[in-house]
Amino acid sequence: MKRIRDAQTIVGILEGGKLQQDMSTELVDTLKWLKELSDERPKTKIKGSVSLKINFEVEGGQVIVAAEIDSKRPKAPRSSNFYWLTDDGELSTEHPQQQDMFAGPREARA
């Protein structure tokens, strides 16, 4: 009787070895993505995860083993832009309470 007693063997034989290959691929892809995001923003912590869940269903001395691989990767950061909000609720590239000194001559105030 051949007994399986360690996790490495179980993961290695599930799905004919495909589970282990897929898990390895997911780990590498997640780490590459995190490194890429980290290179773009070196002072920011970038987090992700890869999880393996093994489900067991036992009935009458038989066991069905099914696995799930789940990964969480952050979205790529988008850049932001700064604008002013006018009294009318519109966007402006100029401060609404400052006059443009390059707009040409304007009336002198008395």
PDB file of N, CA and C in Angstrom:
ATOM      1  N   MET A   1       0.847  -1.178   0.000  1.00  0.00           N
ATOM      2  CA  MET A   1       0.000   0.000   0.000  1.00  0.00           C
ATOM      3  C   MET A   1       0.895   1.244   0.000  1.00  0.00           C
ATOM      4  N   LYS A   2       0.722   2.093  -1.019  1.00  0.00           N
ATOM      5  CA  LYS A   2       1.516   3.320  -1.105  1.00  0.00           C
ATOM      6  C   LYS A   2       0.769   4.438  -0.380  1.00  0.00           C
ATOM      7  N   ARG A   3       1.434   5.029   0.602  1.00  0.00           N
ATOM      8  CA  ARG A   3       0.830   6.097   1.397  1.00  0.00           C
ATOM      9  C   ARG A   3       1.443   7.442   1.023  1.00  0.00           C
ATOM     10  N   ILE A   4       0.602   8.447   0.993  1.00  0.00           N
ATOM     11  CA  ILE A   4       1.061   9.816   0.718  1.00  0.00           C
ATOM     12  C   ILE A   4       0.916  10.595   2.015  1.00  0.00           C
ATOM     13  N   ARG A   5       2.040  11.111   2.503  1.00  0.00           N
ATOM     14  CA  ARG A   5       2.013  11.758   3.819  1.00  0.00           C
ATOM     15  C   ARG A   5       2.544  13.185   3.828  1.00  0.00           C
ATOM     16  N   ASP A   6       2.962  13.704   2.684  1.00  0.00           N
ATOM     17  CA  ASP A   6       3.497  15.067   2.732  1.00  0.00           C
ATOM     18  C   ASP A   6       2.844  15.944   1.659  1.00  0.00           C
ATOM     19  N   ALA A   7       2.762  17.220   1.974  1.00  0.00           N
ATOM     20  CA  ALA A   7       2.069  18.186   1.123  1.00  0.00           C
ATOM     21  C   ALA A   7       2.734  18.318  -0.250  1.00  0.00           C
ATOM     22  N   GLN A   8       4.042  18.273  -0.283  1.00  0.00           N
ATOM     23  CA  GLN A   8       4.750  18.425  -1.555  1.00  0.00           C
ATOM     24  C   GLN A   8       4.353  17.325  -2.542  1.00  0.00           C
ATOM     25  N   THR A   9       4.225  16.115  -2.068  1.00  0.00           N
ATOM     26  CA  THR A   9       3.823  14.998  -2.920  1.00  0.00           C
ATOM     27  C   THR A   9       2.385  15.161  -3.385  1.00  0.00           C
ATOM     28  N   ILE A  10       1.503  15.545  -2.464  1.00  0.00           N
ATOM     29  CA  ILE A  10       0.098  15.727  -2.821  1.00  0.00           C
ATOM     30  C   ILE A  10      -0.047  16.791  -3.905  1.00  0.00           C
ATOM     31  N   VAL A  11       0.560  17.945  -3.687  1.00  0.00           N
ATOM     32  CA  VAL A  11       0.467  19.023  -4.670  1.00  0.00           C
ATOM     33  C   VAL A  11       1.103  18.588  -5.994  1.00  0.00           C
ATOM     34  N   GLY A  12       2.180  17.841  -5.919  1.00  0.00           N
ATOM     35  CA  GLY A  12       2.881  17.400  -7.127  1.00  0.00           C
ATOM     36  C   GLY A  12       2.101  16.416  -7.982  1.00  0.00           C
ATOM     37  N   ILE A  13       1.225  15.611  -7.371  1.00  0.00           N
ATOM     38  CA  ILE A  13       0.498  14.606  -8.152  1.00  0.00           C
ATOM     39  C   ILE A  13      -0.913  15.037  -8.549  1.00  0.00           C
ATOM     40  N   LEU A  14      -1.444  16.070  -7.911  1.00  0.00           N
ATOM     41  CA  LEU A  14      -2.788  16.520  -8.250  1.00  0.00           C
ATOM     42  C   LEU A  14      -2.841  16.997  -9.700  1.00  0.00           C
ATOM     43  N   GLU A  15      -3.905  16.634 -10.367  1.00  0.00           N
ATOM     44  CA  GLU A  15      -4.149  17.004 -11.766  1.00  0.00           C
ATOM     45  C   GLU A  15      -3.000  16.554 -12.672  1.00  0.00           C
ATOM     46  N   GLY A  16      -2.381  15.455 -12.308  1.00  0.00           N
ATOM     47  CA  GLY A  16      -1.285  14.926 -13.119  1.00  0.00           C
ATOM     48  C   GLY A  16      -0.073  15.844 -13.166  1.00  0.00           C
ATOM     49  N   GLY A  17       0.118  16.648 -12.134  1.00  0.00           N
ATOM     50  CA  GLY A  17       1.256  17.565 -12.071  1.00  0.00           C
ATOM     51  C   GLY A  17       0.937  18.962 -12.585  1.00  0.00           C
ATOM     52  N   LYS A  18      -0.211  19.126 -13.228  1.00  0.00           N
ATOM     53  CA  LYS A  18      -0.576  20.437 -13.791  1.00  0.00           C
ATOM     54  C   LYS A  18      -0.825  21.471 -12.699  1.00  0.00           C
ATOM     55  N   LEU A  19      -1.367  21.054 -11.564  1.00  0.00           N
ATOM     56  CA  LEU A  19      -1.612  21.995 -10.466  1.00  0.00           C
ATOM     57  C   LEU A  19      -0.306  22.655 -10.026  1.00  0.00           C
ATOM     58  N   GLN A  20       0.730  21.854  -9.849  1.00  0.00           N
ATOM     59  CA  GLN A  20       2.023  22.394  -9.419  1.00  0.00           C
ATOM     60  C   GLN A  20       2.583  23.356 -10.465  1.00  0.00           C
ATOM     61  N   GLN A  21       2.447  23.016 -11.739  1.00  0.00           N
ATOM     62  CA  GLN A  21       2.925  23.902 -12.803  1.00  0.00           C
ATOM     63  C   GLN A  21       2.142  25.221 -12.801  1.00  0.00           C
ATOM     64  N   ASP A  22       0.817  25.123 -12.682  1.00  0.00           N
ATOM     65  CA  ASP A  22      -0.014  26.329 -12.673  1.00  0.00           C
ATOM     66  C   ASP A  22       0.287  27.203 -11.458  1.00  0.00           C
ATOM     67  N   MET A  23       0.511  26.569 -10.317  1.00  0.00           N
ATOM     68  CA  MET A  23       0.840  27.322  -9.101  1.00  0.00           C
ATOM     69  C   MET A  23       2.171  28.052  -9.280  1.00  0.00           C
ATOM     70  N   SER A  24       3.150  27.371  -9.838  1.00  0.00           N
ATOM     71  CA  SER A  24       4.453  27.993 -10.081  1.00  0.00           C
ATOM     72  C   SER A  24       4.330  29.170 -11.041  1.00  0.00           C
ATOM     73  N   THR A  25       3.546  28.991 -12.101  1.00  0.00           N
ATOM     74  CA  THR A  25       3.333  30.070 -13.067  1.00  0.00           C
ATOM     75  C   THR A  25       2.666  31.264 -12.405  1.00  0.00           C
ATOM     76  N   GLU A  26       1.668  31.000 -11.586  1.00  0.00           N
ATOM     77  CA  GLU A  26       0.952  32.082 -10.899  1.00  0.00           C
ATOM     78  C   GLU A  26       1.871  32.834  -9.946  1.00  0.00           C
ATOM     79  N   LEU A  27       2.725  32.115  -9.234  1.00  0.00           N
ATOM     80  CA  LEU A  27       3.692  32.757  -8.332  1.00  0.00           C
ATOM     81  C   LEU A  27       4.638  33.673  -9.105  1.00  0.00           C
ATOM     82  N   VAL A  28       5.208  33.152 -10.186  1.00  0.00           N
ATOM     83  CA  VAL A  28       6.168  33.931 -10.981  1.00  0.00           C
ATOM     84  C   VAL A  28       5.496  35.148 -11.599  1.00  0.00           C
ATOM     85  N   ASP A  29       4.309  34.964 -12.180  1.00  0.00           N
ATOM     86  CA  ASP A  29       3.594  36.080 -12.805  1.00  0.00           C
ATOM     87  C   ASP A  29       3.233  37.160 -11.792  1.00  0.00           C
ATOM     88  N   THR A  30       2.798  36.747 -10.612  1.00  0.00           N
ATOM     89  CA  THR A  30       2.448  37.717  -9.576  1.00  0.00           C
ATOM     90  C   THR A  30       3.675  38.497  -9.129  1.00  0.00           C
ATOM     91  N   LEU A  31       4.785  37.810  -8.907  1.00  0.00           N
ATOM     92  CA  LEU A  31       6.010  38.493  -8.486  1.00  0.00           C
ATOM     93  C   LEU A  31       6.532  39.446  -9.565  1.00  0.00           C
ATOM     94  N   LYS A  32       6.446  39.053 -10.827  1.00  0.00           N
ATOM     95  CA  LYS A  32       6.869  39.943 -11.924  1.00  0.00           C
ATOM     96  C   LYS A  32       6.009  41.205 -11.938  1.00  0.00           C
ATOM     97  N   TRP A  33       4.691  41.029 -11.772  1.00  0.00           N
ATOM     98  CA  TRP A  33       3.784  42.172 -11.776  1.00  0.00           C
ATOM     99  C   TRP A  33       4.079  43.101 -10.606  1.00  0.00           C
ATOM    100  N   LEU A  34       4.308  42.537  -9.427  1.00  0.00           N
ATOM    101  CA  LEU A  34       4.612  43.364  -8.254  1.00  0.00           C
ATOM    102  C   LEU A  34       5.921  44.116  -8.434  1.00  0.00           C
ATOM    103  N   LYS A  35       6.916  43.456  -9.035  1.00  0.00           N
ATOM    104  CA  LYS A  35       8.198  44.126  -9.284  1.00  0.00           C
ATOM    105  C   LYS A  35       8.028  45.267 -10.275  1.00  0.00           C
ATOM    106  N   GLU A  36       7.257  45.041 -11.315  1.00  0.00           N
ATOM    107  CA  GLU A  36       7.017  46.084 -12.311  1.00  0.00           C
ATOM    108  C   GLU A  36       6.360  47.309 -11.681  1.00  0.00           C
ATOM    109  N   LEU A  37       5.340  47.083 -10.869  1.00  0.00           N
ATOM    110  CA  LEU A  37       4.675  48.192 -10.183  1.00  0.00           C
ATOM    111  C   LEU A  37       5.607  48.866  -9.188  1.00  0.00           C
ATOM    112  N   SER A  38       6.421  48.084  -8.518  1.00  0.00           N
ATOM    113  CA  SER A  38       7.364  48.625  -7.544  1.00  0.00           C
ATOM    114  C   SER A  38       8.440  49.471  -8.224  1.00  0.00           C
ATOM    115  N   ASP A  39       8.876  49.057  -9.402  1.00  0.00           N
ATOM    116  CA  ASP A  39       9.873  49.837 -10.143  1.00  0.00           C
ATOM    117  C   ASP A  39       9.326  51.200 -10.540  1.00  0.00           C
ATOM    118  N   GLU A  40       8.013  51.252 -10.847  1.00  0.00           N
ATOM    119  CA  GLU A  40       7.388  52.515 -11.229  1.00  0.00           C
ATOM    120  C   GLU A  40       7.217  53.455 -10.033  1.00  0.00           C
ATOM    121  N   ARG A  41       7.034  52.891  -8.847  1.00  0.00           N
ATOM    122  CA  ARG A  41       6.822  53.679  -7.628  1.00  0.00           C
ATOM    123  C   ARG A  41       7.683  53.089  -6.509  1.00  0.00           C
ATOM    124  N   PRO A  42       8.990  53.379  -6.528  1.00  0.00           N
ATOM    125  CA  PRO A  42       9.921  52.709  -5.610  1.00  0.00           C
ATOM    126  C   PRO A  42       9.694  52.983  -4.128  1.00  0.00           C
ATOM    127  N   LYS A  43       8.994  54.036  -3.764  1.00  0.00           N
ATOM    128  CA  LYS A  43       8.792  54.337  -2.339  1.00  0.00           C
ATOM    129  C   LYS A  43       7.426  53.875  -1.834  1.00  0.00           C
ATOM    130  N   THR A  44       6.727  53.079  -2.644  1.00  0.00           N
ATOM    131  CA  THR A  44       5.406  52.597  -2.283  1.00  0.00           C
ATOM    132  C   THR A  44       5.445  51.098  -2.077  1.00  0.00           C
ATOM    133  N   LYS A  45       4.801  50.616  -1.012  1.00  0.00           N
ATOM    134  CA  LYS A  45       4.699  49.174  -0.801  1.00  0.00           C
ATOM    135  C   LYS A  45       3.639  48.628  -1.745  1.00  0.00           C
ATOM    136  N   ILE A  46       4.012  47.618  -2.507  1.00  0.00           N
ATOM    137  CA  ILE A  46       3.091  46.977  -3.441  1.00  0.00           C
ATOM    138  C   ILE A  46       2.857  45.559  -2.924  1.00  0.00           C
ATOM    139  N   LYS A  47       1.591  45.202  -2.714  1.00  0.00           N
ATOM    140  CA  LYS A  47       1.286  43.899  -2.122  1.00  0.00           C
ATOM    141  C   LYS A  47       0.427  43.056  -3.054  1.00  0.00           C
ATOM    142  N   GLY A  48       0.623  41.767  -2.973  1.00  0.00           N
ATOM    143  CA  GLY A  48      -0.182  40.811  -3.710  1.00  0.00           C
ATOM    144  C   GLY A  48      -0.149  39.485  -2.967  1.00  0.00           C
ATOM    145  N   SER A  49      -0.906  38.513  -3.461  1.00  0.00           N
ATOM    146  CA  SER A  49      -0.900  37.207  -2.810  1.00  0.00           C
ATOM    147  C   SER A  49      -1.280  36.119  -3.803  1.00  0.00           C
ATOM    148  N   VAL A  50      -0.838  34.918  -3.498  1.00  0.00           N
ATOM    149  CA  VAL A  50      -1.224  33.726  -4.240  1.00  0.00           C
ATOM    150  C   VAL A  50      -1.633  32.689  -3.205  1.00  0.00           C
ATOM    151  N   SER A  51      -2.825  32.112  -3.387  1.00  0.00           N
ATOM    152  CA  SER A  51      -3.342  31.142  -2.429  1.00  0.00           C
ATOM    153  C   SER A  51      -3.671  29.832  -3.127  1.00  0.00           C
ATOM    154  N   LEU A  52      -3.402  28.753  -2.417  1.00  0.00           N
ATOM    155  CA  LEU A  52      -3.778  27.422  -2.884  1.00  0.00           C
ATOM    156  C   LEU A  52      -4.743  26.848  -1.864  1.00  0.00           C
ATOM    157  N   LYS A  53      -5.920  26.470  -2.337  1.00  0.00           N
ATOM    158  CA  LYS A  53      -6.925  25.869  -1.464  1.00  0.00           C
ATOM    159  C   LYS A  53      -7.155  24.443  -1.947  1.00  0.00           C
ATOM    160  N   ILE A  54      -7.034  23.491  -1.041  1.00  0.00           N
ATOM    161  CA  ILE A  54      -7.246  22.087  -1.379  1.00  0.00           C
ATOM    162  C   ILE A  54      -8.518  21.626  -0.669  1.00  0.00           C
ATOM    163  N   ASN A  55      -9.468  21.161  -1.457  1.00  0.00           N
ATOM    164  CA  ASN A  55     -10.759  20.703  -0.930  1.00  0.00           C
ATOM    165  C   ASN A  55     -10.796  19.177  -0.942  1.00  0.00           C
ATOM    166  N   PHE A  56     -11.328  18.602   0.129  1.00  0.00           N
ATOM    167  CA  PHE A  56     -11.455  17.151   0.258  1.00  0.00           C
ATOM    168  C   PHE A  56     -12.920  16.782   0.432  1.00  0.00           C
ATOM    169  N   GLU A  57     -13.328  15.749  -0.259  1.00  0.00           N
ATOM    170  CA  GLU A  57     -14.672  15.211  -0.107  1.00  0.00           C
ATOM    171  C   GLU A  57     -14.533  13.707   0.131  1.00  0.00           C
ATOM    172  N   VAL A  58     -14.942  13.266   1.308  1.00  0.00           N
ATOM    173  CA  VAL A  58     -14.777  11.866   1.700  1.00  0.00           C
ATOM    174  C   VAL A  58     -16.139  11.188   1.750  1.00  0.00           C
ATOM    175  N   GLU A  59     -16.201  10.001   1.145  1.00  0.00           N
ATOM    176  CA  GLU A  59     -17.433   9.208   1.197  1.00  0.00           C
ATOM    177  C   GLU A  59     -17.061   7.734   1.027  1.00  0.00           C
ATOM    178  N   GLY A  60     -17.462   6.938   1.976  1.00  0.00           N
ATOM    179  CA  GLY A  60     -17.259   5.492   1.888  1.00  0.00           C
ATOM    180  C   GLY A  60     -15.811   5.073   1.710  1.00  0.00           C
ATOM    181  N   GLY A  61     -14.891   5.754   2.366  1.00  0.00           N
ATOM    182  CA  GLY A  61     -13.480   5.388   2.277  1.00  0.00           C
ATOM    183  C   GLY A  61     -12.775   5.924   1.042  1.00  0.00           C
ATOM    184  N   GLN A  62     -13.474   6.682   0.225  1.00  0.00           N
ATOM    185  CA  GLN A  62     -12.868   7.290  -0.961  1.00  0.00           C
ATOM    186  C   GLN A  62     -12.751   8.793  -0.744  1.00  0.00           C
ATOM    187  N   VAL A  63     -11.735   9.386  -1.355  1.00  0.00           N
ATOM    188  CA  VAL A  63     -11.491  10.818  -1.210  1.00  0.00           C
ATOM    189  C   VAL A  63     -11.396  11.451  -2.595  1.00  0.00           C
ATOM    190  N   ILE A  64     -12.150  12.508  -2.784  1.00  0.00           N
ATOM    191  CA  ILE A  64     -12.006  13.330  -3.985  1.00  0.00           C
ATOM    192  C   ILE A  64     -11.271  14.589  -3.553  1.00  0.00           C
ATOM    193  N   VAL A  65     -10.183  14.895  -4.255  1.00  0.00           N
ATOM    194  CA  VAL A  65      -9.361  16.060  -3.935  1.00  0.00           C
ATOM    195  C   VAL A  65      -9.456  17.035  -5.104  1.00  0.00           C
ATOM    196  N   ALA A  66      -9.832  18.265  -4.812  1.00  0.00           N
ATOM    197  CA  ALA A  66      -9.912  19.313  -5.825  1.00  0.00           C
ATOM    198  C   ALA A  66      -9.197  20.553  -5.288  1.00  0.00           C
ATOM    199  N   ALA A  67      -8.505  21.234  -6.162  1.00  0.00           N
ATOM    200  CA  ALA A  67      -7.722  22.395  -5.732  1.00  0.00           C
ATOM    201  C   ALA A  67      -8.156  23.655  -6.473  1.00  0.00           C
ATOM    202  N   GLU A  68      -7.915  24.783  -5.831  1.00  0.00           N
ATOM    203  CA  GLU A  68      -8.201  26.093  -6.411  1.00  0.00           C
ATOM    204  C   GLU A  68      -6.978  26.986  -6.188  1.00  0.00           C
ATOM    205  N   ILE A  69      -6.592  27.705  -7.228  1.00  0.00           N
ATOM    206  CA  ILE A  69      -5.516  28.685  -7.113  1.00  0.00           C
ATOM    207  C   ILE A  69      -6.153  30.059  -7.252  1.00  0.00           C
ATOM    208  N   ASP A  70      -5.822  30.945  -6.331  1.00  0.00           N
ATOM    209  CA  ASP A  70      -6.364  32.291  -6.356  1.00  0.00           C
ATOM    210  C   ASP A  70      -5.215  33.269  -6.179  1.00  0.00           C
ATOM    211  N   SER A  71      -5.235  34.338  -6.945  1.00  0.00           N
ATOM    212  CA  SER A  71      -4.211  35.366  -6.770  1.00  0.00           C
ATOM    213  C   SER A  71      -4.865  36.734  -6.702  1.00  0.00           C
ATOM    214  N   LYS A  72      -4.225  37.604  -5.963  1.00  0.00           N
ATOM    215  CA  LYS A  72      -4.675  38.982  -5.846  1.00  0.00           C
ATOM    216  C   LYS A  72      -3.502  39.867  -6.225  1.00  0.00           C
ATOM    217  N   ARG A  73      -3.730  40.643  -7.261  1.00  0.00           N
ATOM    218  CA  ARG A  73      -2.700  41.567  -7.735  1.00  0.00           C
ATOM    219  C   ARG A  73      -3.293  42.970  -7.778  1.00  0.00           C
ATOM    220  N   PRO A  74      -2.521  43.955  -7.360  1.00  0.00           N
ATOM    221  CA  PRO A  74      -3.044  45.317  -7.417  1.00  0.00           C
ATOM    222  C   PRO A  74      -3.160  45.787  -8.868  1.00  0.00           C
ATOM    223  N   LYS A  75      -4.080  46.700  -9.080  1.00  0.00           N
ATOM    224  CA  LYS A  75      -4.204  47.307 -10.398  1.00  0.00           C
ATOM    225  C   LYS A  75      -3.036  48.251 -10.610  1.00  0.00           C
ATOM    226  N   ALA A  76      -2.691  48.444 -11.852  1.00  0.00           N
ATOM    227  CA  ALA A  76      -1.621  49.392 -12.176  1.00  0.00           C
ATOM    228  C   ALA A  76      -2.078  50.792 -11.783  1.00  0.00           C
ATOM    229  N   PRO A  77      -1.219  51.549 -11.103  1.00  0.00           N
ATOM    230  CA  PRO A  77      -1.620  52.892 -10.704  1.00  0.00           C
ATOM    231  C   PRO A  77      -1.761  53.799 -11.922  1.00  0.00           C
ATOM    232  N   ARG A  78      -2.720  54.671 -11.859  1.00  0.00           N
ATOM    233  CA  ARG A  78      -2.933  55.651 -12.910  1.00  0.00           C
ATOM    234  C   ARG A  78      -2.409  56.991 -12.405  1.00  0.00           C
ATOM    235  N   SER A  79      -1.975  57.833 -13.313  1.00  0.00           N
ATOM    236  CA  SER A  79      -1.497  59.147 -12.889  1.00  0.00           C
ATOM    237  C   SER A  79      -2.693  60.043 -12.570  1.00  0.00           C
ATOM    238  N   SER A  80      -2.445  61.092 -11.830  1.00  0.00           N
ATOM    239  CA  SER A  80      -3.503  62.030 -11.490  1.00  0.00           C
ATOM    240  C   SER A  80      -3.122  63.416 -11.995  1.00  0.00           C
ATOM    241  N   ASN A  81      -4.107  64.265 -12.151  1.00  0.00           N
ATOM    242  CA  ASN A  81      -3.895  65.624 -12.624  1.00  0.00           C
ATOM    243  C   ASN A  81      -4.546  66.584 -11.647  1.00  0.00           C
ATOM    244  N   PHE A  82      -4.042  67.808 -11.624  1.00  0.00           N
ATOM    245  CA  PHE A  82      -4.548  68.815 -10.696  1.00  0.00           C
ATOM    246  C   PHE A  82      -5.233  69.924 -11.484  1.00  0.00           C
ATOM    247  N   TYR A  83      -6.430  70.281 -11.069  1.00  0.00           N
ATOM    248  CA  TYR A  83      -7.184  71.383 -11.668  1.00  0.00           C
ATOM    249  C   TYR A  83      -7.838  72.189 -10.564  1.00  0.00           C
ATOM    250  N   TRP A  84      -8.336  73.335 -10.930  1.00  0.00           N
ATOM    251  CA  TRP A  84      -9.111  74.167 -10.020  1.00  0.00           C
ATOM    252  C   TRP A  84     -10.583  73.962 -10.316  1.00  0.00           C
ATOM    253  N   LEU A  85     -11.409  74.138  -9.310  1.00  0.00           N
ATOM    254  CA  LEU A  85     -12.847  74.038  -9.470  1.00  0.00           C
ATOM    255  C   LEU A  85     -13.430  75.445  -9.416  1.00  0.00           C
ATOM    256  N   THR A  86     -14.159  75.834 -10.463  1.00  0.00           N
ATOM    257  CA  THR A  86     -14.756  77.170 -10.506  1.00  0.00           C
ATOM    258  C   THR A  86     -16.028  77.209  -9.663  1.00  0.00           C
ATOM    259  N   ASP A  87     -16.543  78.414  -9.467  1.00  0.00           N
ATOM    260  CA  ASP A  87     -17.787  78.581  -8.708  1.00  0.00           C
ATOM    261  C   ASP A  87     -18.957  77.875  -9.392  1.00  0.00           C
ATOM    262  N   ASP A  88     -18.863  77.696 -10.708  1.00  0.00           N
ATOM    263  CA  ASP A  88     -19.922  77.030 -11.473  1.00  0.00           C
ATOM    264  C   ASP A  88     -19.757  75.512 -11.468  1.00  0.00           C
ATOM    265  N   GLY A  89     -18.726  75.010 -10.798  1.00  0.00           N
ATOM    266  CA  GLY A  89     -18.502  73.572 -10.734  1.00  0.00           C
ATOM    267  C   GLY A  89     -17.788  73.007 -11.951  1.00  0.00           C
ATOM    268  N   GLU A  90     -17.090  73.854 -12.697  1.00  0.00           N
ATOM    269  CA  GLU A  90     -16.342  73.411 -13.869  1.00  0.00           C
ATOM    270  C   GLU A  90     -14.858  73.347 -13.543  1.00  0.00           C
ATOM    271  N   LEU A  91     -14.114  72.574 -14.330  1.00  0.00           N
ATOM    272  CA  LEU A  91     -12.671  72.470 -14.150  1.00  0.00           C
ATOM    273  C   LEU A  91     -11.969  73.623 -14.845  1.00  0.00           C
ATOM    274  N   SER A  92     -10.867  74.064 -14.258  1.00  0.00           N
ATOM    275  CA  SER A  92     -10.070  75.135 -14.847  1.00  0.00           C
ATOM    276  C   SER A  92      -8.597  74.848 -14.598  1.00  0.00           C
ATOM    277  N   THR A  93      -7.767  75.206 -15.556  1.00  0.00           N
ATOM    278  CA  THR A  93      -6.318  75.065 -15.378  1.00  0.00           C
ATOM    279  C   THR A  93      -5.730  76.275 -14.660  1.00  0.00           C
ATOM    280  N   GLU A  94      -6.547  77.312 -14.466  1.00  0.00           N
ATOM    281  CA  GLU A  94      -6.104  78.521 -13.780  1.00  0.00           C
ATOM    282  C   GLU A  94      -6.904  78.704 -12.499  1.00  0.00           C
ATOM    283  N   HIS A  95      -6.268  79.264 -11.512  1.00  0.00           N
ATOM    284  CA  HIS A  95      -6.952  79.553 -10.245  1.00  0.00           C
ATOM    285  C   HIS A  95      -8.074  80.541 -10.531  1.00  0.00           C
ATOM    286  N   PRO A  96      -9.303  80.209 -10.189  1.00  0.00           N
ATOM    287  CA  PRO A  96     -10.432  81.067 -10.548  1.00  0.00           C
ATOM    288  C   PRO A  96     -10.444  82.424  -9.843  1.00  0.00           C
ATOM    289  N   GLN A  97      -9.696  82.572  -8.757  1.00  0.00           N
ATOM    290  CA  GLN A  97      -9.699  83.841  -8.029  1.00  0.00           C
ATOM    291  C   GLN A  97      -8.463  84.677  -8.316  1.00  0.00           C
ATOM    292  N   GLN A  98      -7.649  84.252  -9.268  1.00  0.00           N
ATOM    293  CA  GLN A  98      -6.484  85.028  -9.665  1.00  0.00           C
ATOM    294  C   GLN A  98      -6.667  85.457 -11.116  1.00  0.00           C
ATOM    295  N   GLN A  99      -6.270  86.672 -11.407  1.00  0.00           N
ATOM    296  CA  GLN A  99      -6.409  87.163 -12.769  1.00  0.00           C
ATOM    297  C   GLN A  99      -5.183  86.774 -13.571  1.00  0.00           C
ATOM    298  N   ASP A 100      -5.409  86.557 -14.859  1.00  0.00           N
ATOM    299  CA  ASP A 100      -4.320  86.210 -15.762  1.00  0.00           C
ATOM    300  C   ASP A 100      -3.577  87.483 -16.144  1.00  0.00           C
ATOM    301  N   MET A 101      -2.329  87.608 -15.726  1.00  0.00           N
ATOM    302  CA  MET A 101      -1.573  88.825 -16.001  1.00  0.00           C
ATOM    303  C   MET A 101      -1.087  88.891 -17.449  1.00  0.00           C
ATOM    304  N   PHE A 102      -1.217  87.816 -18.195  1.00  0.00           N
ATOM    305  CA  PHE A 102      -0.768  87.803 -19.565  1.00  0.00           C
ATOM    306  C   PHE A 102      -1.929  87.870 -20.564  1.00  0.00           C
ATOM    307  N   ALA A 103      -3.142  88.082 -20.080  1.00  0.00           N
ATOM    308  CA  ALA A 103      -4.318  88.117 -20.954  1.00  0.00           C
ATOM    309  C   ALA A 103      -4.449  89.410 -21.724  1.00  0.00           C
ATOM    310  N   GLY A 104      -3.586  90.360 -21.484  1.00  0.00           N
ATOM    311  CA  GLY A 104      -3.679  91.646 -22.183  1.00  0.00           C
ATOM    312  C   GLY A 104      -4.100  92.734 -21.232  1.00  0.00           C
ATOM    313  N   PRO A 105      -4.195  93.967 -21.750  1.00  0.00           N
ATOM    314  CA  PRO A 105      -4.556  95.088 -20.863  1.00  0.00           C
ATOM    315  C   PRO A 105      -5.977  94.937 -20.328  1.00  0.00           C
ATOM    316  N   ARG A 106      -6.143  95.409 -19.115  1.00  0.00           N
ATOM    317  CA  ARG A 106      -7.473  95.403 -18.497  1.00  0.00           C
ATOM    318  C   ARG A 106      -7.727  96.766 -17.864  1.00  0.00           C
ATOM    319  N   GLU A 107      -8.939  97.003 -17.522  1.00  0.00           N
ATOM    320  CA  GLU A 107      -9.329  98.299 -16.966  1.00  0.00           C
ATOM    321  C   GLU A 107      -8.645  98.532 -15.621  1.00  0.00           C
ATOM    322  N   ALA A 108      -8.226  99.772 -15.442  1.00  0.00           N
ATOM    323  CA  ALA A 108      -7.658 100.160 -14.158  1.00  0.00           C
ATOM    324  C   ALA A 108      -8.799 100.433 -13.197  1.00  0.00           C
ATOM    325  N   ARG A 109      -8.612 100.012 -11.983  1.00  0.00           N
ATOM    326  CA  ARG A 109      -9.636 100.256 -10.959  1.00  0.00           C
ATOM    327  C   ARG A 109      -9.332 101.578 -10.263  1.00  0.00           C
ATOM    328  N   ALA A 110     -10.380 102.291  -9.937  1.00  0.00           N
ATOM    329  CA  ALA A 110     -10.203 103.596  -9.295  1.00  0.00           C
ATOM    330  C   ALA A 110     -10.176 103.473  -7.804  1.00  0.00           C
TER     331      ALA A 110
END
